[in-house]
Protein backbone atom coordinates (compact mmCIF):
# COMPACT_ATOMS: atom_id res chain seq x y z
CA MET A 1 -20.63 -23.67 11.16
CA ALA A 2 -19.72 -22.62 8.17
CA ALA A 3 -16.42 -21.16 7.72
CA ARG A 4 -15.63 -17.41 7.22
CA ALA A 5 -13.81 -15.55 4.59
CA VAL A 6 -11.42 -13.77 6.33
CA LYS A 7 -11.62 -9.78 4.83
CA LYS A 8 -7.99 -8.53 4.66
CA PRO A 9 -8.15 -5.19 5.79
CA GLY A 10 -7.95 -2.24 3.19
CA PHE A 11 -4.90 -0.10 2.92
CA GLU A 12 -5.74 2.52 4.71
CA GLU A 13 -6.83 0.33 8.21
CA GLY A 14 -2.98 -1.00 6.86
CA LEU A 15 -1.14 2.58 6.79
CA ALA A 16 -2.46 3.45 10.38
CA ARG A 17 -1.35 0.03 11.47
CA LEU A 18 2.15 0.87 10.67
CA GLU A 19 2.09 4.39 12.29
CA ALA A 20 0.78 2.82 14.91
CA LEU A 21 3.44 0.19 15.24
CA ALA A 22 6.59 2.71 14.61
CA GLU A 23 5.38 4.67 17.16
CA ARG A 24 5.20 2.13 20.03
CA MET A 25 8.66 0.88 18.53
CA GLU A 26 10.30 4.49 18.67
CA SER A 27 8.64 4.42 22.26
CA GLY A 28 11.00 2.81 23.76
CA ASP A 29 8.86 0.78 26.09
CA LEU A 30 8.71 -1.93 24.93
CA PRO A 31 10.96 -5.13 25.99
CA LEU A 32 13.32 -6.59 23.16
CA ASP A 33 10.66 -9.54 22.75
CA GLU A 34 7.39 -7.44 21.85
CA LEU A 35 9.92 -5.01 20.13
CA LEU A 36 11.30 -7.55 17.52
CA LYS A 37 7.70 -8.78 17.15
CA ALA A 38 6.32 -5.58 15.98
CA TYR A 39 9.30 -4.65 13.97
CA GLU A 40 9.08 -8.17 12.35
CA GLU A 41 4.81 -7.34 11.93
CA GLY A 42 6.03 -3.96 10.25
CA VAL A 43 8.58 -4.78 8.07
CA LYS A 44 4.99 -7.87 6.47
CA LEU A 45 3.08 -5.13 6.72
CA SER A 46 5.65 -2.48 4.96
CA LYS A 47 5.86 -4.70 1.97
CA GLU A 48 2.07 -5.60 1.61
CA LEU A 49 1.45 -2.06 1.00
CA SER A 50 4.21 -1.12 -1.32
CA LYS A 51 2.59 -4.55 -3.53
CA ARG A 52 -0.50 -2.80 -3.34
CA LEU A 53 0.63 0.78 -4.59
CA ASP A 54 2.45 -1.30 -7.09
CA GLU A 55 -0.41 -3.11 -7.96
CA ALA A 56 -2.43 0.41 -8.16
CA GLN A 57 -0.80 2.25 -9.97
CA GLY A 58 -0.52 -0.40 -12.86
CA ARG A 59 -4.27 -0.45 -12.99
CA MET A 60 -4.47 3.65 -13.85
CA ARG A 61 -5.09 4.41 -16.76
CA SER A 62 -6.69 6.70 -18.51
CA VAL A 63 -9.04 7.51 -22.03
CA ALA A 64 -8.69 10.87 -24.60
CA PRO A 65 -9.47 11.44 -27.89
CA GLY A 66 -6.04 10.18 -30.46
CA ALA A 67 -5.54 12.12 -32.84
CA ASP A 68 -7.88 10.03 -35.21
CA GLY A 69 -10.95 10.91 -33.06
CA ALA A 70 -11.03 7.54 -31.42
CA PRO A 71 -11.14 6.20 -27.90
CA GLN A 72 -7.24 5.83 -26.52
CA VAL A 73 -5.93 4.37 -23.22
CA GLN A 74 -2.68 6.20 -21.65
CA ASP A 75 -1.29 5.17 -19.06
CA VAL A 76 -1.29 7.71 -16.33
CA ILE A 77 1.46 9.75 -14.70
CA LEU A 78 2.19 10.64 -11.04
CA LYS A 79 3.01 13.48 -10.34
CA GLY A 80 6.70 13.32 -9.28
CA GLU A 81 6.83 10.79 -10.96
CA GLU A 82 7.26 12.46 -15.11
CA GLU A 83 10.81 11.30 -16.89
CA ALA A 84 13.72 12.95 -16.51
């Protein structure tokens, strides 16, 4: 029997899972051992999502005509990241 490749959930699915974990932890209804498991999963998921955002930001580029008319690749500055 051939092994199946495990597909990582997309960013949006990961974010939804993180939000669901936070809601469960905030409810106050979890026993301590389940609370700790949820916390550990949330920390791991948060790090993974942050890493994905950093990688996506590093890949964002725009192509615009340069001073000589030739195409020039520039980094995209995201809203809220303008340098002061």
